[in-house]
N, C-alpha and C. Protein backbone atom coordinates (compact mmCIF):
# COMPACT_ATOMS: atom_id res chain seq x y z
N MET A 1 -126.80 94.55 51.62
CA MET A 1 -126.07 95.02 50.37
C MET A 1 -127.10 95.81 49.59
N ASN A 2 -126.83 96.95 49.13
CA ASN A 2 -127.75 97.73 48.43
C ASN A 2 -127.84 97.44 46.80
N ARG A 3 -128.50 98.23 46.06
CA ARG A 3 -128.63 97.73 44.69
C ARG A 3 -127.54 98.21 43.95
N THR A 4 -126.91 99.16 44.39
CA THR A 4 -125.42 99.61 43.57
C THR A 4 -124.43 98.74 43.81
N ASP A 5 -124.29 98.02 45.10
CA ASP A 5 -123.54 97.08 45.19
C ASP A 5 -123.87 95.76 44.36
N ARG A 6 -125.01 95.51 44.37
CA ARG A 6 -125.43 94.18 43.54
C ARG A 6 -125.02 94.21 42.16
N THR A 7 -125.45 95.37 41.62
CA THR A 7 -125.04 95.84 40.25
C THR A 7 -123.61 95.84 40.09
N LEU A 8 -122.83 96.49 40.99
CA LEU A 8 -121.40 96.42 40.57
C LEU A 8 -120.87 94.92 40.60
N ILE A 9 -121.48 94.01 41.60
CA ILE A 9 -120.88 92.72 41.31
C ILE A 9 -121.34 91.88 40.27
N ILE A 10 -122.57 91.93 39.93
CA ILE A 10 -122.98 91.43 38.60
C ILE A 10 -122.25 91.92 37.41
N SER A 11 -121.96 93.17 37.38
CA SER A 11 -121.47 93.67 36.13
C SER A 11 -120.01 93.20 36.05
N THR A 12 -119.37 93.24 37.43
CA THR A 12 -117.70 92.90 37.15
C THR A 12 -117.77 91.25 37.06
N SER A 13 -118.79 90.45 37.41
CA SER A 13 -118.65 89.11 37.11
C SER A 13 -118.66 88.94 35.80
N VAL A 14 -119.80 89.59 35.21
CA VAL A 14 -119.72 89.36 33.74
C VAL A 14 -118.69 89.64 32.96
N ALA A 15 -118.08 90.99 33.17
CA ALA A 15 -116.86 91.49 32.56
C ALA A 15 -115.89 90.31 32.99
N ALA A 16 -115.68 89.94 33.94
CA ALA A 16 -114.30 88.97 34.44
C ALA A 16 -114.54 87.81 33.62
N ALA A 17 -115.91 87.24 33.62
CA ALA A 17 -115.97 86.13 32.74
C ALA A 17 -115.68 86.22 31.32
N ALA A 18 -116.04 87.12 30.76
CA ALA A 18 -115.93 87.63 29.51
C ALA A 18 -114.44 87.63 29.18
N LEU A 19 -113.83 88.41 29.96
CA LEU A 19 -112.17 88.47 29.87
C LEU A 19 -111.44 87.25 29.99
N LEU A 20 -111.86 86.56 31.00
CA LEU A 20 -111.40 85.09 31.24
C LEU A 20 -111.47 84.28 29.97
N VAL A 21 -112.73 84.27 29.32
CA VAL A 21 -112.87 83.57 28.41
C VAL A 21 -112.03 83.94 27.08
N ALA A 22 -111.89 85.21 26.94
CA ALA A 22 -111.59 85.86 25.63
C ALA A 22 -109.86 85.89 25.91
N TYR A 23 -109.37 86.48 27.09
CA TYR A 23 -107.98 86.62 27.04
C TYR A 23 -107.19 85.89 28.04
N GLY A 24 -107.72 85.28 29.23
CA GLY A 24 -106.85 84.72 30.10
C GLY A 24 -107.31 85.23 31.59
N VAL A 25 -106.65 84.67 32.55
CA VAL A 25 -106.58 84.96 33.93
C VAL A 25 -106.42 86.35 34.30
N VAL A 26 -105.18 86.81 33.63
CA VAL A 26 -104.74 87.97 34.20
C VAL A 26 -105.47 89.26 33.74
N PRO A 27 -106.14 89.27 32.63
CA PRO A 27 -107.09 90.69 32.56
C PRO A 27 -108.28 90.43 33.58
N ALA A 28 -108.89 89.20 33.64
CA ALA A 28 -110.03 89.28 34.47
C ALA A 28 -109.52 89.61 35.80
N VAL A 29 -108.75 89.02 36.62
CA VAL A 29 -108.05 89.59 37.77
C VAL A 29 -107.93 90.95 37.80
N CYS A 30 -107.55 91.54 36.82
CA CYS A 30 -107.23 92.96 36.75
C CYS A 30 -108.63 93.70 36.78
N ALA A 31 -109.66 93.11 36.22
CA ALA A 31 -111.01 93.84 36.04
C ALA A 31 -111.62 93.58 37.49
N VAL A 32 -111.55 92.69 38.13
CA VAL A 32 -111.97 92.40 39.55
C VAL A 32 -111.34 93.25 40.48
N LEU A 33 -109.96 93.54 40.19
CA LEU A 33 -109.39 94.43 41.29
C LEU A 33 -109.63 95.87 40.99
N LEU A 34 -109.87 96.32 39.87
CA LEU A 34 -110.05 97.55 39.29
C LEU A 34 -111.55 97.66 39.77
N ALA A 35 -112.47 96.70 39.95
CA ALA A 35 -113.82 96.98 40.31
C ALA A 35 -113.88 97.18 41.62
N LEU A 36 -113.24 96.49 42.58
CA LEU A 36 -113.03 96.63 43.91
C LEU A 36 -112.46 98.05 44.34
N TYR A 37 -111.43 98.41 43.58
CA TYR A 37 -110.95 99.68 43.87
C TYR A 37 -111.84 100.65 43.61
N ALA A 38 -112.72 100.66 42.55
CA ALA A 38 -113.78 101.55 42.31
C ALA A 38 -114.57 101.68 43.25
N ARG A 39 -115.17 100.58 43.92
CA ARG A 39 -116.11 100.27 44.92
C ARG A 39 -115.58 101.08 46.23
N GLU A 40 -114.40 100.77 46.45
CA GLU A 40 -113.77 101.48 47.80
C GLU A 40 -113.48 102.98 47.66
N HIS A 41 -113.25 103.34 46.40
CA HIS A 41 -113.16 104.85 46.05
C HIS A 41 -114.40 105.32 46.20
N MET A 42 -115.62 104.77 45.85
CA MET A 42 -116.91 105.36 46.01
C MET A 42 -117.30 105.47 47.37
N LEU A 43 -117.08 104.41 48.15
CA LEU A 43 -117.40 104.32 49.69
C LEU A 43 -116.64 105.62 50.44
N ARG A 44 -115.21 105.73 50.07
CA ARG A 44 -114.27 106.82 50.73
C ARG A 44 -114.83 107.99 50.20
N THR A 45 -115.13 108.20 49.09
CA THR A 45 -115.81 109.58 48.71
C THR A 45 -116.94 109.89 49.31
N ALA A 46 -117.90 109.00 49.50
CA ALA A 46 -119.23 109.09 50.30
C ALA A 46 -119.06 109.23 51.65
N ALA A 47 -118.12 108.65 52.12
CA ALA A 47 -117.62 108.97 53.86
C ALA A 47 -117.12 110.44 54.03
N THR A 48 -116.17 110.75 53.10
CA THR A 48 -115.70 112.02 53.35
C THR A 48 -116.85 113.26 53.01
N SER A 49 -117.47 112.97 52.18
CA SER A 49 -118.61 113.96 51.86
C SER A 49 -119.44 114.15 53.15
N ALA A 50 -119.90 112.85 53.67
CA ALA A 50 -120.53 112.95 54.90
C ALA A 50 -119.82 113.53 56.21
N LEU A 51 -118.63 113.27 56.41
CA LEU A 51 -117.81 113.82 57.25
C LEU A 51 -117.67 115.43 57.07
N ARG A 52 -117.45 115.99 55.95
CA ARG A 52 -117.58 117.51 55.51
C ARG A 52 -118.96 118.03 56.21
N GLN A 53 -119.91 117.36 55.65
CA GLN A 53 -121.41 117.74 55.99
C GLN A 53 -121.37 118.09 57.65
N LEU A 54 -120.98 116.79 58.28
CA LEU A 54 -121.10 116.82 59.76
C LEU A 54 -120.16 117.95 60.40
N ALA A 55 -119.05 118.47 59.75
CA ALA A 55 -118.02 119.31 60.19
C ALA A 55 -118.80 120.78 60.10
N VAL A 56 -119.48 120.86 58.88
CA VAL A 56 -120.24 122.20 58.59
C VAL A 56 -121.27 122.24 59.75
N GLN A 57 -122.17 121.12 60.07
CA GLN A 57 -123.05 121.15 60.93
C GLN A 57 -122.58 121.56 62.31
N LEU A 58 -121.48 121.13 62.67
CA LEU A 58 -121.03 121.41 64.03
C LEU A 58 -120.35 122.64 64.27
N GLU A 59 -119.80 123.20 63.07
CA GLU A 59 -119.30 124.57 63.16
C GLU A 59 -120.42 125.41 63.48
N TYR A 60 -121.55 125.19 62.47
CA TYR A 60 -122.88 125.98 62.48
C TYR A 60 -123.41 126.21 63.81
N GLU A 61 -123.39 124.71 64.67
CA GLU A 61 -123.90 124.96 65.95
C GLU A 61 -122.88 125.49 66.90
N ALA A 62 -121.76 125.19 66.87
CA ALA A 62 -120.71 126.00 67.72
C ALA A 62 -120.80 127.52 67.63
N SER A 63 -121.05 128.00 66.52
CA SER A 63 -120.93 129.47 66.18
C SER A 63 -122.29 130.05 66.69
N SER A 64 -123.54 129.24 66.57
CA SER A 64 -125.01 129.61 67.21
C SER A 64 -124.91 129.71 68.63
N ARG A 65 -123.98 128.56 69.26
CA ARG A 65 -123.90 128.51 70.75
C ARG A 65 -123.19 129.71 71.10
N ARG A 66 -121.89 130.25 70.51
CA ARG A 66 -120.96 131.41 70.92
C ARG A 66 -122.29 132.54 70.87
N ARG A 67 -122.87 132.83 69.67
CA ARG A 67 -123.50 134.03 69.60
C ARG A 67 -124.55 134.13 70.81
N LEU A 68 -125.08 132.87 71.09
CA LEU A 68 -126.25 132.91 72.33
C LEU A 68 -125.38 133.10 73.47
N GLU A 69 -124.21 132.69 73.81
CA GLU A 69 -123.66 132.86 74.87
C GLU A 69 -123.11 134.26 75.11
N ASP A 70 -122.78 135.03 74.02
CA ASP A 70 -122.34 136.37 73.90
C ASP A 70 -123.45 137.38 74.25
N MET A 71 -124.69 137.13 73.67
CA MET A 71 -125.86 137.61 73.98
C MET A 71 -126.18 137.45 75.52
N LEU A 72 -126.43 136.42 75.84
CA LEU A 72 -126.71 136.24 77.38
C LEU A 72 -125.78 136.74 78.19
N GLU A 73 -124.40 137.02 77.92
CA GLU A 73 -123.38 137.63 78.77
C GLU A 73 -123.54 139.03 78.56
N SER A 74 -123.96 139.71 77.39
CA SER A 74 -124.24 141.23 77.39
C SER A 74 -125.64 141.33 78.13
N ARG A 75 -126.37 140.74 78.09
CA ARG A 75 -127.81 140.81 78.96
C ARG A 75 -127.43 140.86 80.57
N PHE A 76 -126.51 139.95 80.74
CA PHE A 76 -126.21 139.62 82.19
C PHE A 76 -125.32 140.86 82.83
N LEU A 77 -124.58 141.48 81.90
CA LEU A 77 -123.69 142.64 82.12
C LEU A 77 -124.43 143.60 82.32
N MET A 78 -125.80 144.07 81.26
CA MET A 78 -126.39 145.19 81.47
C MET A 78 -127.31 145.17 82.50
N ARG A 79 -127.79 144.03 82.83
CA ARG A 79 -128.65 143.82 84.07
C ARG A 79 -127.73 144.09 85.44
N GLY A 80 -126.48 143.68 85.53
CA GLY A 80 -125.54 143.82 86.58
C GLY A 80 -125.40 145.69 86.78
N LEU A 81 -125.13 146.27 85.43
CA LEU A 81 -125.07 147.62 85.44
C LEU A 81 -126.24 148.42 85.89
N SER A 82 -127.47 147.77 85.54
CA SER A 82 -128.67 148.37 85.81
C SER A 82 -128.85 148.41 87.31
N ASP A 83 -128.37 147.11 88.17
CA ASP A 83 -128.51 147.14 89.62
C ASP A 83 -127.47 148.09 90.14
N ILE A 84 -126.30 148.25 89.53
CA ILE A 84 -125.48 149.14 90.20
C ILE A 84 -125.56 150.70 89.98
N PHE A 85 -125.88 150.91 88.93
CA PHE A 85 -125.98 152.37 88.42
C PHE A 85 -127.61 152.82 88.40
N GLY A 86 -128.46 151.89 88.47
CA GLY A 86 -129.79 152.43 88.70
C GLY A 86 -130.33 152.74 87.15
N THR A 87 -129.94 152.11 86.04
CA THR A 87 -130.39 152.10 84.61
C THR A 87 -131.17 150.96 84.16
N ASP A 88 -131.90 151.20 83.12
CA ASP A 88 -132.53 149.88 82.35
C ASP A 88 -131.68 149.46 81.47
N ASP A 89 -132.46 148.46 80.76
CA ASP A 89 -131.47 147.56 79.89
C ASP A 89 -130.74 148.48 78.70
N LYS A 90 -131.35 149.62 78.36
CA LYS A 90 -130.88 150.51 77.21
C LYS A 90 -130.01 151.30 77.73
N GLY A 91 -129.54 151.67 79.08
CA GLY A 91 -128.64 152.29 79.74
C GLY A 91 -129.21 153.56 79.97
N SER A 92 -130.60 153.84 79.93
CA SER A 92 -131.02 155.02 80.44
C SER A 92 -131.08 155.13 82.01
N LEU A 93 -130.90 156.18 82.62
CA LEU A 93 -131.15 156.27 84.17
C LEU A 93 -132.46 156.33 84.53
N HIS A 94 -132.74 155.80 85.51
CA HIS A 94 -134.25 155.79 86.13
C HIS A 94 -134.64 157.19 86.57
């Protein structure tokens, strides 16, 4: 349990106790439910953000891999042409 969770639990407990004493059970229960919803929303937002960052990283790695594959394929083709036609990597005849 991290510091944010402890702070949320303490503040929710204090608020719920104050509402219970001042207004009764229903407002206290509503305060606890609202705090739980807020915590879940916070966790969901953090998870969504982490997933977005992961998706961006994976897309970057995939595009880097495609660029590398394209580069290697063109080098392979140029070497093949060089072997067939007797040219160097720049396309000049020997």
